[in-house]
ModelCIF file with pLDDT and N, C-alpha, C, O atoms, coordinates in Angstrom:
data_MODEL
#
_entry.id   MODEL 
#
_entity.id                         1 
_entity.type                       polymer 
_entity.pdbx_number_of_molecules   1 
#
_entity_poly.entity_id                      1 
_entity_poly.type                           'polypeptide(L)' 
_entity_poly.nstd_linkage                   no 
_entity_poly.nstd_monomer                   no 
_entity_poly.pdbx_seq_one_letter_code       CFIYCILFLKLWSYVQVNVWCRNQYKQRRSRSGRRQ 
_entity_poly.pdbx_seq_one_letter_code_can   CFIYCILFLKLWSYVQVNVWCRNQYKQRRSRSGRRQ 
_entity_poly.pdbx_strand_id                 A 
#
loop_
_entity_poly_seq.entity_id 
_entity_poly_seq.num 
_entity_poly_seq.mon_id 
_entity_poly_seq.hetero 
1 1  CYS n 
1 2  PHE n 
1 3  ILE n 
1 4  TYR n 
1 5  CYS n 
1 6  ILE n 
1 7  LEU n 
1 8  PHE n 
1 9  LEU n 
1 10 LYS n 
1 11 LEU n 
1 12 TRP n 
1 13 SER n 
1 14 TYR n 
1 15 VAL n 
1 16 GLN n 
1 17 VAL n 
1 18 ASN n 
1 19 VAL n 
1 20 TRP n 
1 21 CYS n 
1 22 ARG n 
1 23 ASN n 
1 24 GLN n 
1 25 TYR n 
1 26 LYS n 
1 27 GLN n 
1 28 ARG n 
1 29 ARG n 
1 30 SER n 
1 31 ARG n 
1 32 SER n 
1 33 GLY n 
1 34 ARG n 
1 35 ARG n 
1 36 GLN n 
#
_struct_asym.id          A 
_struct_asym.entity_id   1 
#
loop_
_ma_qa_metric.id 
_ma_qa_metric.mode 
_ma_qa_metric.name 
_ma_qa_metric.software_group_id 
_ma_qa_metric.type 
1 global pLDDT . pLDDT 
2 local  pLDDT . pLDDT 
#
_ma_qa_metric_global.metric_id      1 
_ma_qa_metric_global.metric_value   85.28 
_ma_qa_metric_global.model_id       1 
_ma_qa_metric_global.ordinal_id     1 
#
loop_
_ma_qa_metric_local.label_asym_id 
_ma_qa_metric_local.label_comp_id 
_ma_qa_metric_local.label_seq_id 
_ma_qa_metric_local.metric_id 
_ma_qa_metric_local.metric_value 
_ma_qa_metric_local.model_id 
_ma_qa_metric_local.ordinal_id 
A CYS 1  2 90.00 1 1  
A PHE 2  2 91.00 1 2  
A ILE 3  2 92.00 1 3  
A TYR 4  2 93.00 1 4  
A CYS 5  2 92.00 1 5  
A ILE 6  2 93.00 1 6  
A LEU 7  2 94.00 1 7  
A PHE 8  2 94.00 1 8  
A LEU 9  2 93.00 1 9  
A LYS 10 2 94.00 1 10 
A LEU 11 2 94.00 1 11 
A TRP 12 2 93.00 1 12 
A SER 13 2 93.00 1 13 
A TYR 14 2 94.00 1 14 
A VAL 15 2 93.00 1 15 
A GLN 16 2 93.00 1 16 
A VAL 17 2 93.00 1 17 
A ASN 18 2 93.00 1 18 
A VAL 19 2 92.00 1 19 
A TRP 20 2 91.00 1 20 
A CYS 21 2 90.00 1 21 
A ARG 22 2 90.00 1 22 
A ASN 23 2 88.00 1 23 
A GLN 24 2 88.00 1 24 
A TYR 25 2 86.00 1 25 
A LYS 26 2 84.00 1 26 
A GLN 27 2 84.00 1 27 
A ARG 28 2 83.00 1 28 
A ARG 29 2 80.00 1 29 
A SER 30 2 78.00 1 30 
A ARG 31 2 76.00 1 31 
A SER 32 2 70.00 1 32 
A GLY 33 2 61.00 1 33 
A ARG 34 2 58.00 1 34 
A ARG 35 2 52.00 1 35 
A GLN 36 2 47.00 1 36 
#
loop_
_atom_site.group_PDB 
_atom_site.id 
_atom_site.type_symbol 
_atom_site.label_atom_id 
_atom_site.label_alt_id 
_atom_site.label_comp_id 
_atom_site.label_asym_id 
_atom_site.label_entity_id 
_atom_site.label_seq_id 
_atom_site.pdbx_PDB_ins_code 
_atom_site.Cartn_x 
_atom_site.Cartn_y 
_atom_site.Cartn_z 
_atom_site.occupancy 
_atom_site.B_iso_or_equiv 
_atom_site.pdbx_formal_charge 
_atom_site.auth_seq_id 
_atom_site.auth_comp_id 
_atom_site.auth_asym_id 
_atom_site.auth_atom_id 
_atom_site.pdbx_PDB_model_num 
ATOM 1   N N  . CYS A 1 1  ? -15.006 -11.053 -19.694 1.00 90.00 ? 1  CYS A N  1 
ATOM 2   C CA . CYS A 1 1  ? -15.627 -9.681  -19.087 1.00 90.00 ? 1  CYS A CA 1 
ATOM 3   C C  . CYS A 1 1  ? -15.484 -10.051 -17.666 1.00 90.00 ? 1  CYS A C  1 
ATOM 4   O O  . CYS A 1 1  ? -14.879 -9.163  -17.065 1.00 90.00 ? 1  CYS A O  1 
ATOM 5   N N  . PHE A 1 2  ? -15.921 -11.332 -16.689 1.00 91.00 ? 2  PHE A N  1 
ATOM 6   C CA . PHE A 1 2  ? -15.419 -11.837 -15.657 1.00 91.00 ? 2  PHE A CA 1 
ATOM 7   C C  . PHE A 1 2  ? -14.171 -11.582 -15.080 1.00 91.00 ? 2  PHE A C  1 
ATOM 8   O O  . PHE A 1 2  ? -13.872 -10.910 -14.093 1.00 91.00 ? 2  PHE A O  1 
ATOM 9   N N  . ILE A 1 3  ? -13.490 -12.236 -15.867 1.00 92.00 ? 3  ILE A N  1 
ATOM 10  C CA . ILE A 1 3  ? -12.376 -12.251 -15.441 1.00 92.00 ? 3  ILE A CA 1 
ATOM 11  C C  . ILE A 1 3  ? -11.412 -11.200 -15.517 1.00 92.00 ? 3  ILE A C  1 
ATOM 12  O O  . ILE A 1 3  ? -10.389 -11.414 -14.867 1.00 92.00 ? 3  ILE A O  1 
ATOM 13  N N  . TYR A 1 4  ? -11.497 -9.610  -16.436 1.00 93.00 ? 4  TYR A N  1 
ATOM 14  C CA . TYR A 1 4  ? -10.868 -8.715  -16.239 1.00 93.00 ? 4  TYR A CA 1 
ATOM 15  C C  . TYR A 1 4  ? -11.946 -7.649  -14.970 1.00 93.00 ? 4  TYR A C  1 
ATOM 16  O O  . TYR A 1 4  ? -11.451 -6.648  -14.452 1.00 93.00 ? 4  TYR A O  1 
ATOM 17  N N  . CYS A 1 5  ? -12.906 -7.946  -14.762 1.00 92.00 ? 5  CYS A N  1 
ATOM 18  C CA . CYS A 1 5  ? -13.916 -7.415  -13.756 1.00 92.00 ? 5  CYS A CA 1 
ATOM 19  C C  . CYS A 1 5  ? -13.412 -7.857  -12.562 1.00 92.00 ? 5  CYS A C  1 
ATOM 20  O O  . CYS A 1 5  ? -13.285 -6.961  -11.727 1.00 92.00 ? 5  CYS A O  1 
ATOM 21  N N  . ILE A 1 6  ? -12.989 -9.271  -12.118 1.00 93.00 ? 6  ILE A N  1 
ATOM 22  C CA . ILE A 1 6  ? -12.288 -9.493  -10.662 1.00 93.00 ? 6  ILE A CA 1 
ATOM 23  C C  . ILE A 1 6  ? -10.894 -9.001  -11.016 1.00 93.00 ? 6  ILE A C  1 
ATOM 24  O O  . ILE A 1 6  ? -10.468 -8.403  -10.029 1.00 93.00 ? 6  ILE A O  1 
ATOM 25  N N  . LEU A 1 7  ? -10.057 -8.994  -11.938 1.00 94.00 ? 7  LEU A N  1 
ATOM 26  C CA . LEU A 1 7  ? -8.810  -8.357  -11.713 1.00 94.00 ? 7  LEU A CA 1 
ATOM 27  C C  . LEU A 1 7  ? -8.722  -6.612  -11.594 1.00 94.00 ? 7  LEU A C  1 
ATOM 28  O O  . LEU A 1 7  ? -7.820  -5.952  -11.078 1.00 94.00 ? 7  LEU A O  1 
ATOM 29  N N  . PHE A 1 8  ? -9.816  -6.191  -12.172 1.00 94.00 ? 8  PHE A N  1 
ATOM 30  C CA . PHE A 1 8  ? -10.126 -4.958  -11.614 1.00 94.00 ? 8  PHE A CA 1 
ATOM 31  C C  . PHE A 1 8  ? -10.312 -4.282  -10.299 1.00 94.00 ? 8  PHE A C  1 
ATOM 32  O O  . PHE A 1 8  ? -9.966  -3.140  -9.995  1.00 94.00 ? 8  PHE A O  1 
ATOM 33  N N  . LEU A 1 9  ? -11.295 -5.734  -9.114  1.00 93.00 ? 9  LEU A N  1 
ATOM 34  C CA . LEU A 1 9  ? -11.523 -5.052  -8.310  1.00 93.00 ? 9  LEU A CA 1 
ATOM 35  C C  . LEU A 1 9  ? -9.963  -5.599  -7.546  1.00 93.00 ? 9  LEU A C  1 
ATOM 36  O O  . LEU A 1 9  ? -9.457  -4.807  -6.752  1.00 93.00 ? 9  LEU A O  1 
ATOM 37  N N  . LYS A 1 10 ? -9.271  -6.886  -7.796  1.00 94.00 ? 10 LYS A N  1 
ATOM 38  C CA . LYS A 1 10 ? -8.227  -7.372  -6.909  1.00 94.00 ? 10 LYS A CA 1 
ATOM 39  C C  . LYS A 1 10 ? -7.331  -6.336  -7.081  1.00 94.00 ? 10 LYS A C  1 
ATOM 40  O O  . LYS A 1 10 ? -7.016  -5.715  -6.065  1.00 94.00 ? 10 LYS A O  1 
ATOM 41  N N  . LEU A 1 11 ? -6.700  -5.910  -8.466  1.00 94.00 ? 11 LEU A N  1 
ATOM 42  C CA . LEU A 1 11 ? -5.621  -4.816  -8.216  1.00 94.00 ? 11 LEU A CA 1 
ATOM 43  C C  . LEU A 1 11 ? -6.037  -3.597  -7.728  1.00 94.00 ? 11 LEU A C  1 
ATOM 44  O O  . LEU A 1 11 ? -5.178  -2.727  -7.582  1.00 94.00 ? 11 LEU A O  1 
ATOM 45  N N  . TRP A 1 12 ? -7.258  -3.346  -7.429  1.00 93.00 ? 12 TRP A N  1 
ATOM 46  C CA . TRP A 1 12 ? -7.656  -1.607  -6.802  1.00 93.00 ? 12 TRP A CA 1 
ATOM 47  C C  . TRP A 1 12 ? -7.293  -1.844  -5.235  1.00 93.00 ? 12 TRP A C  1 
ATOM 48  O O  . TRP A 1 12 ? -6.560  -1.071  -4.617  1.00 93.00 ? 12 TRP A O  1 
ATOM 49  N N  . SER A 1 13 ? -7.991  -3.201  -4.566  1.00 93.00 ? 13 SER A N  1 
ATOM 50  C CA . SER A 1 13 ? -7.568  -3.427  -3.062  1.00 93.00 ? 13 SER A CA 1 
ATOM 51  C C  . SER A 1 13 ? -5.944  -3.676  -2.686  1.00 93.00 ? 13 SER A C  1 
ATOM 52  O O  . SER A 1 13 ? -5.489  -3.733  -1.543  1.00 93.00 ? 13 SER A O  1 
ATOM 53  N N  . TYR A 1 14 ? -4.872  -3.866  -4.466  1.00 94.00 ? 14 TYR A N  1 
ATOM 54  C CA . TYR A 1 14 ? -3.629  -4.484  -3.894  1.00 94.00 ? 14 TYR A CA 1 
ATOM 55  C C  . TYR A 1 14 ? -2.755  -3.048  -3.836  1.00 94.00 ? 14 TYR A C  1 
ATOM 56  O O  . TYR A 1 14 ? -1.739  -2.698  -3.236  1.00 94.00 ? 14 TYR A O  1 
ATOM 57  N N  . VAL A 1 15 ? -3.604  -2.456  -4.697  1.00 93.00 ? 15 VAL A N  1 
ATOM 58  C CA . VAL A 1 15 ? -2.990  -0.877  -4.517  1.00 93.00 ? 15 VAL A CA 1 
ATOM 59  C C  . VAL A 1 15 ? -3.368  -0.117  -2.995  1.00 93.00 ? 15 VAL A C  1 
ATOM 60  O O  . VAL A 1 15 ? -2.518  0.413   -2.280  1.00 93.00 ? 15 VAL A O  1 
ATOM 61  N N  . GLN A 1 16 ? -4.390  -0.171  -2.779  1.00 93.00 ? 16 GLN A N  1 
ATOM 62  C CA . GLN A 1 16 ? -4.791  0.629   -1.772  1.00 93.00 ? 16 GLN A CA 1 
ATOM 63  C C  . GLN A 1 16 ? -4.411  0.155   -0.642  1.00 93.00 ? 16 GLN A C  1 
ATOM 64  O O  . GLN A 1 16 ? -4.323  0.963   0.283   1.00 93.00 ? 16 GLN A O  1 
ATOM 65  N N  . VAL A 1 17 ? -4.057  -1.364  -0.369  1.00 93.00 ? 17 VAL A N  1 
ATOM 66  C CA . VAL A 1 17 ? -3.275  -2.000  0.852   1.00 93.00 ? 17 VAL A CA 1 
ATOM 67  C C  . VAL A 1 17 ? -1.874  -1.198  1.111   1.00 93.00 ? 17 VAL A C  1 
ATOM 68  O O  . VAL A 1 17 ? -1.567  -0.581  2.131   1.00 93.00 ? 17 VAL A O  1 
ATOM 69  N N  . ASN A 1 18 ? -1.026  -1.387  -0.207  1.00 93.00 ? 18 ASN A N  1 
ATOM 70  C CA . ASN A 1 18 ? 0.217   -1.182  -0.481  1.00 93.00 ? 18 ASN A CA 1 
ATOM 71  C C  . ASN A 1 18 ? 0.330   0.488   -0.110  1.00 93.00 ? 18 ASN A C  1 
ATOM 72  O O  . ASN A 1 18 ? 1.391   1.019   0.218   1.00 93.00 ? 18 ASN A O  1 
ATOM 73  N N  . VAL A 1 19 ? -0.865  1.145   -0.219  1.00 92.00 ? 19 VAL A N  1 
ATOM 74  C CA . VAL A 1 19 ? -0.303  2.556   0.063   1.00 92.00 ? 19 VAL A CA 1 
ATOM 75  C C  . VAL A 1 19 ? -0.521  2.851   1.169   1.00 92.00 ? 19 VAL A C  1 
ATOM 76  O O  . VAL A 1 19 ? 0.039   3.876   1.558   1.00 92.00 ? 19 VAL A O  1 
ATOM 77  N N  . TRP A 1 20 ? -1.252  2.238   1.973   1.00 91.00 ? 20 TRP A N  1 
ATOM 78  C CA . TRP A 1 20 ? -1.443  2.174   3.491   1.00 91.00 ? 20 TRP A CA 1 
ATOM 79  C C  . TRP A 1 20 ? -0.391  1.564   4.011   1.00 91.00 ? 20 TRP A C  1 
ATOM 80  O O  . TRP A 1 20 ? 0.136   2.160   4.950   1.00 91.00 ? 20 TRP A O  1 
ATOM 81  N N  . CYS A 1 21 ? 0.201   0.285   3.600   1.00 90.00 ? 21 CYS A N  1 
ATOM 82  C CA . CYS A 1 21 ? 1.037   -0.295  4.451   1.00 90.00 ? 21 CYS A CA 1 
ATOM 83  C C  . CYS A 1 21 ? 2.679   0.906   4.147   1.00 90.00 ? 21 CYS A C  1 
ATOM 84  O O  . CYS A 1 21 ? 3.389   1.339   5.054   1.00 90.00 ? 21 CYS A O  1 
ATOM 85  N N  . ARG A 1 22 ? 2.854   1.145   2.784   1.00 90.00 ? 22 ARG A N  1 
ATOM 86  C CA . ARG A 1 22 ? 3.727   2.316   2.217   1.00 90.00 ? 22 ARG A CA 1 
ATOM 87  C C  . ARG A 1 22 ? 3.760   3.366   3.285   1.00 90.00 ? 22 ARG A C  1 
ATOM 88  O O  . ARG A 1 22 ? 4.894   3.461   3.753   1.00 90.00 ? 22 ARG A O  1 
ATOM 89  N N  . ASN A 1 23 ? 2.751   4.321   3.917   1.00 88.00 ? 23 ASN A N  1 
ATOM 90  C CA . ASN A 1 23 ? 2.677   5.067   4.409   1.00 88.00 ? 23 ASN A CA 1 
ATOM 91  C C  . ASN A 1 23 ? 3.000   5.144   5.918   1.00 88.00 ? 23 ASN A C  1 
ATOM 92  O O  . ASN A 1 23 ? 3.713   5.978   6.475   1.00 88.00 ? 23 ASN A O  1 
ATOM 93  N N  . GLN A 1 24 ? 2.366   4.161   6.438   1.00 88.00 ? 24 GLN A N  1 
ATOM 94  C CA . GLN A 1 24 ? 3.143   3.530   7.600   1.00 88.00 ? 24 GLN A CA 1 
ATOM 95  C C  . GLN A 1 24 ? 4.647   3.537   7.526   1.00 88.00 ? 24 GLN A C  1 
ATOM 96  O O  . GLN A 1 24 ? 5.425   4.102   8.295   1.00 88.00 ? 24 GLN A O  1 
ATOM 97  N N  . TYR A 1 25 ? 4.918   2.808   6.463   1.00 86.00 ? 25 TYR A N  1 
ATOM 98  C CA . TYR A 1 25 ? 6.564   2.302   6.531   1.00 86.00 ? 25 TYR A CA 1 
ATOM 99  C C  . TYR A 1 25 ? 7.281   3.348   6.729   1.00 86.00 ? 25 TYR A C  1 
ATOM 100 O O  . TYR A 1 25 ? 8.138   3.343   7.613   1.00 86.00 ? 25 TYR A O  1 
ATOM 101 N N  . LYS A 1 26 ? 6.998   4.744   5.715   1.00 84.00 ? 26 LYS A N  1 
ATOM 102 C CA . LYS A 1 26 ? 7.543   6.003   5.666   1.00 84.00 ? 26 LYS A CA 1 
ATOM 103 C C  . LYS A 1 26 ? 7.914   6.779   7.098   1.00 84.00 ? 26 LYS A C  1 
ATOM 104 O O  . LYS A 1 26 ? 8.956   7.374   7.373   1.00 84.00 ? 26 LYS A O  1 
ATOM 105 N N  . GLN A 1 27 ? 6.545   6.552   8.047   1.00 84.00 ? 27 GLN A N  1 
ATOM 106 C CA . GLN A 1 27 ? 6.168   7.208   9.210   1.00 84.00 ? 27 GLN A CA 1 
ATOM 107 C C  . GLN A 1 27 ? 7.422   6.594   10.098  1.00 84.00 ? 27 GLN A C  1 
ATOM 108 O O  . GLN A 1 27 ? 8.131   7.231   10.877  1.00 84.00 ? 27 GLN A O  1 
ATOM 109 N N  . ARG A 1 28 ? 7.504   5.247   9.787   1.00 83.00 ? 28 ARG A N  1 
ATOM 110 C CA . ARG A 1 28 ? 8.575   4.177   11.085  1.00 83.00 ? 28 ARG A CA 1 
ATOM 111 C C  . ARG A 1 28 ? 9.692   4.406   10.729  1.00 83.00 ? 28 ARG A C  1 
ATOM 112 O O  . ARG A 1 28 ? 10.609  4.361   11.549  1.00 83.00 ? 28 ARG A O  1 
ATOM 113 N N  . ARG A 1 29 ? 9.909   4.708   9.437   1.00 80.00 ? 29 ARG A N  1 
ATOM 114 C CA . ARG A 1 29 ? 11.597  5.378   8.997   1.00 80.00 ? 29 ARG A CA 1 
ATOM 115 C C  . ARG A 1 29 ? 11.820  6.309   9.243   1.00 80.00 ? 29 ARG A C  1 
ATOM 116 O O  . ARG A 1 29 ? 12.977  6.360   9.658   1.00 80.00 ? 29 ARG A O  1 
ATOM 117 N N  . SER A 1 30 ? 11.165  7.576   9.241   1.00 78.00 ? 30 SER A N  1 
ATOM 118 C CA . SER A 1 30 ? 11.282  8.938   9.513   1.00 78.00 ? 30 SER A CA 1 
ATOM 119 C C  . SER A 1 30 ? 11.755  8.763   10.763  1.00 78.00 ? 30 SER A C  1 
ATOM 120 O O  . SER A 1 30 ? 12.888  9.124   11.081  1.00 78.00 ? 30 SER A O  1 
ATOM 121 N N  . ARG A 1 31 ? 10.592  7.965   11.899  1.00 76.00 ? 31 ARG A N  1 
ATOM 122 C CA . ARG A 1 31 ? 10.380  8.503   13.329  1.00 76.00 ? 31 ARG A CA 1 
ATOM 123 C C  . ARG A 1 31 ? 12.305  8.166   13.336  1.00 76.00 ? 31 ARG A C  1 
ATOM 124 O O  . ARG A 1 31 ? 13.174  9.023   13.493  1.00 76.00 ? 31 ARG A O  1 
ATOM 125 N N  . SER A 1 32 ? 12.514  6.677   13.115  1.00 70.00 ? 32 SER A N  1 
ATOM 126 C CA . SER A 1 32 ? 14.008  6.099   13.007  1.00 70.00 ? 32 SER A CA 1 
ATOM 127 C C  . SER A 1 32 ? 15.118  6.891   13.022  1.00 70.00 ? 32 SER A C  1 
ATOM 128 O O  . SER A 1 32 ? 16.000  6.915   13.880  1.00 70.00 ? 32 SER A O  1 
ATOM 129 N N  . GLY A 1 33 ? 15.001  7.701   11.773  1.00 61.00 ? 33 GLY A N  1 
ATOM 130 C CA . GLY A 1 33 ? 15.795  8.611   11.297  1.00 61.00 ? 33 GLY A CA 1 
ATOM 131 C C  . GLY A 1 33 ? 16.144  9.484   12.123  1.00 61.00 ? 33 GLY A C  1 
ATOM 132 O O  . GLY A 1 33 ? 17.351  9.723   12.091  1.00 61.00 ? 33 GLY A O  1 
ATOM 133 N N  . ARG A 1 34 ? 15.403  10.201  13.042  1.00 58.00 ? 34 ARG A N  1 
ATOM 134 C CA . ARG A 1 34 ? 15.475  11.192  14.145  1.00 58.00 ? 34 ARG A CA 1 
ATOM 135 C C  . ARG A 1 34 ? 16.041  10.951  14.988  1.00 58.00 ? 34 ARG A C  1 
ATOM 136 O O  . ARG A 1 34 ? 16.348  11.875  15.741  1.00 58.00 ? 34 ARG A O  1 
ATOM 137 N N  . ARG A 1 35 ? 16.534  9.381   15.341  1.00 52.00 ? 35 ARG A N  1 
ATOM 138 C CA . ARG A 1 35 ? 17.320  9.039   16.865  1.00 52.00 ? 35 ARG A CA 1 
ATOM 139 C C  . ARG A 1 35 ? 18.853  9.133   16.207  1.00 52.00 ? 35 ARG A C  1 
ATOM 140 O O  . ARG A 1 35 ? 19.354  8.106   15.750  1.00 52.00 ? 35 ARG A O  1 
ATOM 141 N N  . GLN A 1 36 ? 19.570  10.381  16.175  1.00 47.00 ? 36 GLN A N  1 
ATOM 142 C CA . GLN A 1 36 ? 20.946  10.097  15.404  1.00 47.00 ? 36 GLN A CA 1 
ATOM 143 C C  . GLN A 1 36 ? 22.167  9.418   16.217  1.00 47.00 ? 36 GLN A C  1 
ATOM 144 O O  . GLN A 1 36 ? 23.235  9.189   15.649  1.00 47.00 ? 36 GLN A O  1 
#
């Protein structure tokens, strides 16, 4: 139970941080795509 509880919290953080990074990555790539 302790290990699965820790994994729950860590995977939640892993997913959420990657969402933040992915959104910024897409914004940066869209700005780069505007420069023809």
